């Protein structure tokens, strides 16, 4: 029986009865990356990815279940079947595509460096040599910083969550962070803690830094991938995705 299709239990003639099967889609997410995913004081999850996930479940006629995880634990958790899919501002880069599959694109964004306004840095090895750069553990930004900047003298530190990076940047423990631009703007630059900081240089363009975000599923799980893609296609066609992007990102 399709795991997302409930059977109907009843009596046909004398003996026929189908068992009702639960319809639940479990999403793994790291709720420390607003405006894509974060947690309210009451513990509820909010953000663009959360809204998209809930709409996918609504469109597909299944129930959403949210499972929290550190970002670097999302792919291992997915492959260990702790959840059915990952929606957490995750880019489908070449390394990830070797171990999981991805849905169609949800939205696009750029990676940018953030540093102090009075000491602007550039997102290149020469400018960052000897500087302390904080990146989210397991992110494409972390992989890029490690490959391009660490070997040239930058002190690259990986953190389990992005909010801790912003705290250390504001208190002077870090000189910069490398982050998805929309998240850096909303969660740091637009907040009082980030008033003395700004984007530094231009967005970084590199094959290591996919500008797309998509939903990850286990290799070979065609059933879950089809359910998600079918729902996303409907949501794109009826304007739901565009409406949610405008609501959470201010995009028109």
C-alpha atoms as a PDB file:
ATOM      1  CA  UNK A   1       0.000   0.000   0.000  1.00  0.00           C
ATOM      2  CA  UNK A   2       1.201   3.511  -0.791  1.00  0.00           C
ATOM      3  CA  UNK A   3       2.456   4.908   2.528  1.00  0.00           C
ATOM      4  CA  UNK A   4       0.702   8.233   1.894  1.00  0.00           C
ATOM      5  CA  UNK A   5      -2.631   6.725   0.897  1.00  0.00           C
ATOM      6  CA  UNK A   6      -4.969   5.530   3.592  1.00  0.00           C
ATOM      7  CA  UNK A   7      -7.008   2.430   3.019  1.00  0.00           C
ATOM      8  CA  UNK A   8     -10.730   2.288   3.735  1.00  0.00           C
ATOM      9  CA  UNK A   9     -11.900  -0.186   6.346  1.00  0.00           C
ATOM     10  CA  UNK A  10     -15.368  -1.492   5.815  1.00  0.00           C
ATOM     11  CA  UNK A  11     -17.456  -4.559   5.171  1.00  0.00           C
ATOM     12  CA  UNK A  12     -17.913  -5.702   1.577  1.00  0.00           C
ATOM     13  CA  UNK A  13     -20.040  -8.831   1.224  1.00  0.00           C
ATOM     14  CA  UNK A  14     -18.912 -10.750   4.317  1.00  0.00           C
ATOM     15  CA  UNK A  15     -15.168 -10.463   4.831  1.00  0.00           C
ATOM     16  CA  UNK A  16     -13.345  -7.629   2.988  1.00  0.00           C
ATOM     17  CA  UNK A  17     -11.664  -4.996   5.189  1.00  0.00           C
ATOM     18  CA  UNK A  18      -8.797  -2.661   4.354  1.00  0.00           C
ATOM     19  CA  UNK A  19      -6.589  -1.266   7.110  1.00  0.00           C
ATOM     20  CA  UNK A  20      -6.419   2.495   7.605  1.00  0.00           C
ATOM     21  CA  UNK A  21      -2.847   3.729   7.339  1.00  0.00           C
ATOM     22  CA  UNK A  22      -1.576   6.975   8.831  1.00  0.00           C
ATOM     23  CA  UNK A  23      -0.738   9.761   6.391  1.00  0.00           C
ATOM     24  CA  UNK A  24       2.231  11.680   7.792  1.00  0.00           C
ATOM     25  CA  UNK A  25       5.136  13.439   6.097  1.00  0.00           C
ATOM     26  CA  UNK A  26       8.040  14.058   8.502  1.00  0.00           C
ATOM     27  CA  UNK A  27      10.193  17.076   7.723  1.00  0.00           C
ATOM     28  CA  UNK A  28      13.618  17.572   9.303  1.00  0.00           C
ATOM     29  CA  UNK A  29      14.725  21.191   9.839  1.00  0.00           C
ATOM     30  CA  UNK A  30      17.229  23.332  11.743  1.00  0.00           C
ATOM     31  CA  UNK A  31      15.096  26.177  13.185  1.00  0.00           C
ATOM     32  CA  UNK A  32      17.956  28.651  13.705  1.00  0.00           C
ATOM     33  CA  UNK A  33      17.970  30.363  10.305  1.00  0.00           C
ATOM     34  CA  UNK A  34      15.306  33.084   9.985  1.00  0.00           C
ATOM     35  CA  UNK A  35      13.476  34.068   7.864  1.00  0.00           C
ATOM     36  CA  UNK A  36      13.543  30.526   6.489  1.00  0.00           C
ATOM     37  CA  UNK A  37      13.083  28.572   9.726  1.00  0.00           C
ATOM     38  CA  UNK A  38      13.089  29.660  13.358  1.00  0.00           C
ATOM     39  CA  UNK A  39      11.314  29.005  16.631  1.00  0.00           C
ATOM     40  CA  UNK A  40       8.930  31.330  18.446  1.00  0.00           C
ATOM     41  CA  UNK A  41       9.071  31.701  22.258  1.00  0.00           C
ATOM     42  CA  UNK A  42       6.156  29.272  22.553  1.00  0.00           C
ATOM     43  CA  UNK A  43       8.154  26.612  20.690  1.00  0.00           C
ATOM     44  CA  UNK A  44       6.215  26.751  17.430  1.00  0.00           C
ATOM     45  CA  UNK A  45       8.154  26.813  14.171  1.00  0.00           C
ATOM     46  CA  UNK A  46       7.860  29.694  11.707  1.00  0.00           C
ATOM     47  CA  UNK A  47       9.521  30.859   8.486  1.00  0.00           C
ATOM     48  CA  UNK A  48       9.342  30.473   4.728  1.00  0.00           C
ATOM     49  CA  UNK A  49      10.464  26.830   4.676  1.00  0.00           C
ATOM     50  CA  UNK A  50       8.030  25.943   7.452  1.00  0.00           C
ATOM     51  CA  UNK A  51       5.171  27.617   5.581  1.00  0.00           C
ATOM     52  CA  UNK A  52       6.114  25.880   2.328  1.00  0.00           C
ATOM     53  CA  UNK A  53       6.324  22.521   4.103  1.00  0.00           C
ATOM     54  CA  UNK A  54       2.922  22.975   5.729  1.00  0.00           C
ATOM     55  CA  UNK A  55       1.407  23.965   2.370  1.00  0.00           C
ATOM     56  CA  UNK A  56       2.943  20.889   0.725  1.00  0.00           C
ATOM     57  CA  UNK A  57       1.232  18.698   3.302  1.00  0.00           C
ATOM     58  CA  UNK A  58      -2.052  20.560   2.854  1.00  0.00           C
ATOM     59  CA  UNK A  59      -1.882  20.282  -0.929  1.00  0.00           C
ATOM     60  CA  UNK A  60      -0.919  16.588  -0.805  1.00  0.00           C
ATOM     61  CA  UNK A  61      -3.558  15.764   1.805  1.00  0.00           C
ATOM     62  CA  UNK A  62      -1.121  14.498   4.426  1.00  0.00           C
ATOM     63  CA  UNK A  63      -0.192  15.589   7.956  1.00  0.00           C
ATOM     64  CA  UNK A  64       3.082  17.417   8.598  1.00  0.00           C
ATOM     65  CA  UNK A  65       5.344  16.347  11.434  1.00  0.00           C
ATOM     66  CA  UNK A  66       8.378  18.532  12.165  1.00  0.00           C
ATOM     67  CA  UNK A  67      11.611  17.085  13.551  1.00  0.00           C
ATOM     68  CA  UNK A  68      14.339  19.487  14.732  1.00  0.00           C
ATOM     69  CA  UNK A  69      18.026  18.810  14.116  1.00  0.00           C
ATOM     70  CA  UNK A  70      21.312  20.658  13.880  1.00  0.00           C
ATOM     71  CA  UNK A  71      22.045  21.508  10.250  1.00  0.00           C
ATOM     72  CA  UNK A  72      24.990  19.118   9.961  1.00  0.00           C
ATOM     73  CA  UNK A  73      22.801  16.300  11.289  1.00  0.00           C
ATOM     74  CA  UNK A  74      20.018  16.704   8.739  1.00  0.00           C
ATOM     75  CA  UNK A  75      21.395  14.478   5.976  1.00  0.00           C
ATOM     76  CA  UNK A  76      22.531  11.731   8.389  1.00  0.00           C
ATOM     77  CA  UNK A  77      19.128  11.924  10.083  1.00  0.00           C
ATOM     78  CA  UNK A  78      17.350  11.653   6.744  1.00  0.00           C
ATOM     79  CA  UNK A  79      19.353   8.593   5.733  1.00  0.00           C
ATOM     80  CA  UNK A  80      18.749   7.061   9.170  1.00  0.00           C
ATOM     81  CA  UNK A  81      14.994   7.481   8.491  1.00  0.00           C
ATOM     82  CA  UNK A  82      14.438   9.871  11.401  1.00  0.00           C
ATOM     83  CA  UNK A  83      12.375  11.897   8.926  1.00  0.00           C
ATOM     84  CA  UNK A  84      11.191  11.591   5.328  1.00  0.00           C
ATOM     85  CA  UNK A  85      12.513  14.854   3.876  1.00  0.00           C
ATOM     86  CA  UNK A  86      14.722  17.844   4.729  1.00  0.00           C
ATOM     87  CA  UNK A  87      13.535  21.416   4.264  1.00  0.00           C
ATOM     88  CA  UNK A  88      16.046  23.812   5.782  1.00  0.00           C
ATOM     89  CA  UNK A  89      17.391  26.277   3.203  1.00  0.00           C
ATOM     90  CA  UNK A  90      19.558  23.484   1.806  1.00  0.00           C
ATOM     91  CA  UNK A  91      21.355  23.894  -1.516  1.00  0.00           C
ATOM     92  CA  UNK A  92      21.560  20.842  -3.819  1.00  0.00           C
ATOM     93  CA  UNK A  93      25.288  20.993  -4.489  1.00  0.00           C
ATOM     94  CA  UNK A  94      27.293  18.205  -6.135  1.00  0.00           C
ATOM     95  CA  UNK A  95      28.488  16.687  -2.851  1.00  0.00           C
ATOM     96  CA  UNK A  96      24.968  16.402  -1.428  1.00  0.00           C
ATOM     97  CA  UNK A  97      23.567  15.032  -4.679  1.00  0.00           C
ATOM     98  CA  UNK A  98      25.857  12.034  -4.246  1.00  0.00           C
ATOM     99  CA  UNK A  99      24.066  10.960  -1.055  1.00  0.00           C
ATOM    100  CA  UNK A 100      20.481  12.287  -1.313  1.00  0.00           C
ATOM    101  CA  UNK A 101      18.020  13.409  -3.973  1.00  0.00           C
ATOM    102  CA  UNK A 102      16.377  16.826  -4.199  1.00  0.00           C
ATOM    103  CA  UNK A 103      13.022  18.228  -5.195  1.00  0.00           C
ATOM    104  CA  UNK A 104      12.519  20.974  -7.736  1.00  0.00           C
ATOM    105  CA  UNK A 105      13.873  24.375  -6.701  1.00  0.00           C
ATOM    106  CA  UNK A 106      12.013  26.263  -3.967  1.00  0.00           C
ATOM    107  CA  UNK A 107      13.725  29.652  -4.290  1.00  0.00           C
ATOM    108  CA  UNK A 108      17.078  31.257  -5.105  1.00  0.00           C
ATOM    109  CA  UNK A 109      19.467  33.339  -3.002  1.00  0.00           C
ATOM    110  CA  UNK A 110      23.122  34.408  -2.878  1.00  0.00           C
ATOM    111  CA  UNK A 111      25.969  33.895  -0.412  1.00  0.00           C
ATOM    112  CA  UNK A 112      27.512  37.062   1.020  1.00  0.00           C
ATOM    113  CA  UNK A 113      30.105  38.151   3.554  1.00  0.00           C
ATOM    114  CA  UNK A 114      29.078  40.341   6.503  1.00  0.00           C
ATOM    115  CA  UNK A 115      31.597  42.470   8.406  1.00  0.00           C
ATOM    116  CA  UNK A 116      31.777  45.741  10.355  1.00  0.00           C
ATOM    117  CA  UNK A 117      30.931  48.938   8.482  1.00  0.00           C
ATOM    118  CA  UNK A 118      34.041  50.661   9.824  1.00  0.00           C
ATOM    119  CA  UNK A 119      36.330  47.807   8.799  1.00  0.00           C
ATOM    120  CA  UNK A 120      34.805  46.351   5.638  1.00  0.00           C
ATOM    121  CA  UNK A 121      36.368  43.189   4.308  1.00  0.00           C
ATOM    122  CA  UNK A 122      36.163  41.553   0.911  1.00  0.00           C
ATOM    123  CA  UNK A 123      35.071  37.948   0.315  1.00  0.00           C
ATOM    124  CA  UNK A 124      38.460  36.846  -0.893  1.00  0.00           C
ATOM    125  CA  UNK A 125      41.500  35.100   0.560  1.00  0.00           C
ATOM    126  CA  UNK A 126      43.763  38.159   0.599  1.00  0.00           C
ATOM    127  CA  UNK A 127      41.305  40.313   2.550  1.00  0.00           C
ATOM    128  CA  UNK A 128      40.432  37.544   5.020  1.00  0.00           C
ATOM    129  CA  UNK A 129      43.954  36.327   5.764  1.00  0.00           C
ATOM    130  CA  UNK A 130      44.418  36.431   9.533  1.00  0.00           C
ATOM    131  CA  UNK A 131      40.732  37.243  10.089  1.00  0.00           C
ATOM    132  CA  UNK A 132      38.215  35.184  12.069  1.00  0.00           C
ATOM    133  CA  UNK A 133      35.289  34.034   9.942  1.00  0.00           C
ATOM    134  CA  UNK A 134      32.273  32.190  11.360  1.00  0.00           C
ATOM    135  CA  UNK A 135      30.239  29.793   9.202  1.00  0.00           C
ATOM    136  CA  UNK A 136      27.374  27.384   9.773  1.00  0.00           C
ATOM    137  CA  UNK A 137      28.593  23.822  10.230  1.00  0.00           C
ATOM    138  CA  UNK A 138      27.691  21.615   7.278  1.00  0.00           C
ATOM    139  CA  UNK A 139      26.651  24.528   5.026  1.00  0.00           C
ATOM    140  CA  UNK A 140      27.906  25.209   1.507  1.00  0.00           C
ATOM    141  CA  UNK A 141      29.315  28.462   2.883  1.00  0.00           C
ATOM    142  CA  UNK A 142      31.419  26.447   5.341  1.00  0.00           C
ATOM    143  CA  UNK A 143      32.710  24.190   2.565  1.00  0.00           C
ATOM    144  CA  UNK A 144      33.615  27.179   0.434  1.00  0.00           C
ATOM    145  CA  UNK A 145      35.352  29.061   3.252  1.00  0.00           C
ATOM    146  CA  UNK A 146      37.336  25.976   4.177  1.00  0.00           C
ATOM    147  CA  UNK A 147      38.455  25.341   0.597  1.00  0.00           C
ATOM    148  CA  UNK A 148      39.117  28.910  -0.518  1.00  0.00           C
ATOM    149  CA  UNK A 149      40.048  30.915   2.570  1.00  0.00           C
ATOM    150  CA  UNK A 150      41.404  28.670   5.323  1.00  0.00           C
ATOM    151  CA  UNK A 151      44.346  27.502   3.210  1.00  0.00           C
ATOM    152  CA  UNK A 152      45.271  31.147   2.597  1.00  0.00           C
ATOM    153  CA  UNK A 153      45.429  32.105   6.270  1.00  0.00           C
ATOM    154  CA  UNK A 154      41.853  32.833   7.314  1.00  0.00           C
ATOM    155  CA  UNK A 155      40.720  31.445  10.672  1.00  0.00           C
ATOM    156  CA  UNK A 156      37.476  29.696   9.746  1.00  0.00           C
ATOM    157  CA  UNK A 157      35.319  28.466  12.624  1.00  0.00           C
ATOM    158  CA  UNK A 158      32.228  26.311  12.110  1.00  0.00           C
ATOM    159  CA  UNK A 159      29.297  26.788  14.480  1.00  0.00           C
ATOM    160  CA  UNK A 160      26.344  24.447  15.095  1.00  0.00           C
ATOM    161  CA  UNK A 161      23.870  27.313  14.591  1.00  0.00           C
ATOM    162  CA  UNK A 162      23.940  30.684  12.834  1.00  0.00           C
ATOM    163  CA  UNK A 163      22.552  32.679  15.762  1.00  0.00           C
ATOM    164  CA  UNK A 164      25.674  31.939  17.812  1.00  0.00           C
ATOM    165  CA  UNK A 165      27.769  33.296  14.956  1.00  0.00           C
ATOM    166  CA  UNK A 166      25.905  36.594  15.018  1.00  0.00           C
ATOM    167  CA  UNK A 167      26.484  36.870  18.761  1.00  0.00           C
ATOM    168  CA  UNK A 168      30.230  36.315  18.409  1.00  0.00           C
ATOM    169  CA  UNK A 169      30.408  38.718  15.480  1.00  0.00           C
ATOM    170  CA  UNK A 170      28.690  41.457  17.476  1.00  0.00           C
ATOM    171  CA  UNK A 171      30.926  40.977  20.536  1.00  0.00           C
ATOM    172  CA  UNK A 172      34.140  41.038  18.520  1.00  0.00           C
ATOM    173  CA  UNK A 173      35.137  37.370  18.604  1.00  0.00           C
ATOM    174  CA  UNK A 174      34.646  37.195  14.846  1.00  0.00           C
ATOM    175  CA  UNK A 175      35.542  39.589  12.041  1.00  0.00           C
ATOM    176  CA  UNK A 176      33.009  38.294   9.545  1.00  0.00           C
ATOM    177  CA  UNK A 177      30.448  35.661   8.675  1.00  0.00           C
ATOM    178  CA  UNK A 178      29.579  34.114   5.319  1.00  0.00           C
ATOM    179  CA  UNK A 179      25.884  33.439   4.984  1.00  0.00           C
ATOM    180  CA  UNK A 180      22.813  33.204   2.755  1.00  0.00           C
ATOM    181  CA  UNK A 181      22.091  36.855   2.001  1.00  0.00           C
ATOM    182  CA  UNK A 182      18.395  37.009   2.879  1.00  0.00           C
ATOM    183  CA  UNK A 183      18.949  35.278   6.202  1.00  0.00           C
ATOM    184  CA  UNK A 184      21.872  37.567   7.068  1.00  0.00           C
ATOM    185  CA  UNK A 185      19.774  40.616   6.266  1.00  0.00           C
ATOM    186  CA  UNK A 186      16.688  39.549   8.216  1.00  0.00           C
ATOM    187  CA  UNK A 187      18.272  37.850  11.215  1.00  0.00           C
ATOM    188  CA  UNK A 188      21.239  40.164  11.768  1.00  0.00           C
ATOM    189  CA  UNK A 189      21.548  43.340   9.707  1.00  0.00           C
ATOM    190  CA  UNK A 190      17.915  44.360  10.241  1.00  0.00           C
ATOM    191  CA  UNK A 191      18.212  43.747  14.001  1.00  0.00           C
ATOM    192  CA  UNK A 192      19.659  46.118  16.638  1.00  0.00           C
ATOM    193  CA  UNK A 193      22.576  43.725  17.179  1.00  0.00           C
ATOM    194  CA  UNK A 194      23.669  44.176  13.569  1.00  0.00           C
ATOM    195  CA  UNK A 195      23.390  47.954  13.195  1.00  0.00           C
ATOM    196  CA  UNK A 196      27.171  48.441  12.888  1.00  0.00           C
ATOM    197  CA  UNK A 197      27.537  45.757  10.216  1.00  0.00           C
ATOM    198  CA  UNK A 198      26.863  45.439   6.493  1.00  0.00           C
ATOM    199  CA  UNK A 199      27.354  43.159   3.515  1.00  0.00           C
ATOM    200  CA  UNK A 200      30.967  43.285   2.366  1.00  0.00           C
ATOM    201  CA  UNK A 201      31.753  43.142  -1.326  1.00  0.00           C
ATOM    202  CA  UNK A 202      29.625  41.501  -3.983  1.00  0.00           C
ATOM    203  CA  UNK A 203      27.749  38.181  -3.780  1.00  0.00           C
ATOM    204  CA  UNK A 204      30.137  35.262  -4.255  1.00  0.00           C
ATOM    205  CA  UNK A 205      29.539  33.262  -7.432  1.00  0.00           C
ATOM    206  CA  UNK A 206      31.092  29.807  -7.529  1.00  0.00           C
ATOM    207  CA  UNK A 207      29.994  26.270  -8.513  1.00  0.00           C
ATOM    208  CA  UNK A 208      30.473  25.265  -4.856  1.00  0.00           C
ATOM    209  CA  UNK A 209      27.785  27.762  -3.854  1.00  0.00           C
ATOM    210  CA  UNK A 210      24.471  26.743  -5.358  1.00  0.00           C
ATOM    211  CA  UNK A 211      22.093  29.699  -5.302  1.00  0.00           C
ATOM    212  CA  UNK A 212      19.107  27.357  -5.173  1.00  0.00           C
ATOM    213  CA  UNK A 213      17.306  25.796  -2.238  1.00  0.00           C
ATOM    214  CA  UNK A 214      15.371  22.543  -2.479  1.00  0.00           C
ATOM    215  CA  UNK A 215      13.929  19.723  -0.360  1.00  0.00           C
ATOM    216  CA  UNK A 216      16.120  16.696   0.264  1.00  0.00           C
ATOM    217  CA  UNK A 217      14.822  13.118   0.220  1.00  0.00           C
ATOM    218  CA  UNK A 218      16.537   9.748   0.552  1.00  0.00           C
ATOM    219  CA  UNK A 219      18.114   8.263  -2.561  1.00  0.00           C
ATOM    220  CA  UNK A 220      15.586   6.135  -4.383  1.00  0.00           C
ATOM    221  CA  UNK A 221      12.543   7.345  -2.421  1.00  0.00           C
ATOM    222  CA  UNK A 222      10.596   8.143  -5.568  1.00  0.00           C
ATOM    223  CA  UNK A 223       7.271   8.067  -3.741  1.00  0.00           C
ATOM    224  CA  UNK A 224       8.139  10.913  -1.380  1.00  0.00           C
ATOM    225  CA  UNK A 225       9.894  12.865  -4.122  1.00  0.00           C
ATOM    226  CA  UNK A 226       6.843  12.620  -6.387  1.00  0.00           C
ATOM    227  CA  UNK A 227       4.466  13.653  -3.611  1.00  0.00           C
ATOM    228  CA  UNK A 228       6.577  16.748  -2.869  1.00  0.00           C
ATOM    229  CA  UNK A 229       7.182  17.712  -6.500  1.00  0.00           C
ATOM    230  CA  UNK A 230       3.528  17.255  -7.447  1.00  0.00           C
ATOM    231  CA  UNK A 231       2.495  19.511  -4.557  1.00  0.00           C
ATOM    232  CA  UNK A 232       5.157  22.114  -5.401  1.00  0.00           C
ATOM    233  CA  UNK A 233       4.068  22.182  -9.033  1.00  0.00           C
ATOM    234  CA  UNK A 234       0.498  22.960  -7.985  1.00  0.00           C
ATOM    235  CA  UNK A 235       1.703  25.555  -5.464  1.00  0.00           C
ATOM    236  CA  UNK A 236       3.838  27.277  -8.092  1.00  0.00           C
ATOM    237  CA  UNK A 237       1.045  27.305 -10.650  1.00  0.00           C
ATOM    238  CA  UNK A 238      -1.574  28.704  -8.264  1.00  0.00           C
ATOM    239  CA  UNK A 239       0.769  31.390  -6.881  1.00  0.00           C
ATOM    240  CA  UNK A 240       1.190  29.942  -3.381  1.00  0.00           C
ATOM    241  CA  UNK A 241       4.998  29.877  -3.497  1.00  0.00           C
ATOM    242  CA  UNK A 242       5.182  33.457  -4.793  1.00  0.00           C
ATOM    243  CA  UNK A 243       2.759  34.606  -2.098  1.00  0.00           C
ATOM    244  CA  UNK A 244       4.817  32.986   0.652  1.00  0.00           C
ATOM    245  CA  UNK A 245       8.074  34.453  -0.714  1.00  0.00           C
ATOM    246  CA  UNK A 246       6.494  37.900  -0.642  1.00  0.00           C
ATOM    247  CA  UNK A 247       5.219  37.346   2.898  1.00  0.00           C
ATOM    248  CA  UNK A 248       8.499  36.110   4.363  1.00  0.00           C
ATOM    249  CA  UNK A 249      11.140  37.659   2.113  1.00  0.00           C
ATOM    250  CA  UNK A 250       9.410  40.770   0.840  1.00  0.00           C
ATOM    251  CA  UNK A 251       9.808  39.615  -2.762  1.00  0.00           C
ATOM    252  CA  UNK A 252       7.373  40.853  -5.382  1.00  0.00           C
END
